[in-house]
Amino acid sequence: MQFTRKTSTGGIFALGKFIIKLIFIVIILFVGVVLVSKIDFPAPNKTIEKIIPNENFKTIK
């Protein structure tokens, strides 16, 4: 009795599975982007101002 090895990967069915997985990943990414865009992040309202003393500046001739 000899064992035969199937070397084909399924042809059109393997391509269909790949396309379904790709569409599923794209849908998940799209839903993630939409959900993140709906989050209302608070904008900073405090202005940041740092005073630099003049002694740190050097004049270049």
Protein backbone atom coordinates (compact mmCIF):
# COMPACT_ATOMS: atom_id res chain seq x y z
CA MET A 1 0.00 0.00 0.00
CA GLN A 2 1.48 3.32 -1.06
CA PHE A 3 0.76 6.69 0.46
CA THR A 4 0.12 9.55 -1.91
CA ARG A 5 0.92 13.09 -0.99
CA LYS A 6 -1.38 15.92 -1.97
CA THR A 7 0.80 18.80 -3.13
CA SER A 8 -1.89 21.24 -4.22
CA THR A 9 -2.99 23.91 -1.75
CA GLY A 10 -6.59 24.03 -2.84
CA GLY A 11 -6.42 26.37 -5.82
CA ILE A 12 -9.33 28.77 -5.88
CA PHE A 13 -10.39 27.96 -2.33
CA ALA A 14 -7.03 29.04 -0.89
CA LEU A 15 -7.30 32.34 -2.76
CA GLY A 16 -10.85 32.82 -1.46
CA LYS A 17 -9.74 32.26 2.13
CA PHE A 18 -6.94 34.81 1.68
CA ILE A 19 -9.33 37.40 0.25
CA ILE A 20 -11.82 36.86 3.10
CA LYS A 21 -9.06 37.29 5.69
CA LEU A 22 -7.80 40.44 3.95
CA ILE A 23 -11.31 41.95 3.84
CA PHE A 24 -11.81 41.08 7.52
CA ILE A 25 -8.54 42.83 8.51
CA VAL A 26 -9.43 45.92 6.44
CA ILE A 27 -12.87 46.12 8.09
CA ILE A 28 -11.34 45.84 11.57
CA LEU A 29 -8.82 48.60 10.80
CA PHE A 30 -11.56 50.84 9.37
CA VAL A 31 -13.79 50.35 12.42
CA GLY A 32 -10.81 51.08 14.70
CA VAL A 33 -10.04 54.34 12.89
CA VAL A 34 -13.70 55.41 13.04
CA LEU A 35 -13.94 54.66 16.76
CA VAL A 36 -10.71 56.52 17.57
CA SER A 37 -11.85 59.53 15.53
CA LYS A 38 -15.08 59.74 17.56
CA ILE A 39 -13.18 60.11 20.85
CA ASP A 40 -13.14 63.74 21.92
CA PHE A 41 -9.69 64.41 23.29
CA PRO A 42 -9.43 67.62 25.36
CA ALA A 43 -7.28 70.31 23.83
CA PRO A 44 -4.62 71.86 26.04
CA ASN A 45 -5.63 75.35 27.16
CA LYS A 46 -2.49 76.39 29.01
CA THR A 47 0.15 78.21 27.02
CA ILE A 48 3.69 77.08 27.69
CA GLU A 49 6.20 79.87 27.87
CA LYS A 50 9.78 79.50 29.00
CA ILE A 51 11.95 82.53 29.61
CA ILE A 52 15.54 82.03 28.52
CA PRO A 53 18.07 84.30 30.21
CA ASN A 54 20.38 86.36 27.98
CA GLU A 55 23.55 84.97 29.53
CA ASN A 56 23.05 81.72 27.63
CA PHE A 57 23.32 83.47 24.27
CA LYS A 58 26.73 84.03 22.69
CA THR A 59 27.40 86.44 19.89
CA ILE A 60 29.17 85.00 16.87
CA LYS A 61 31.47 87.32 14.93
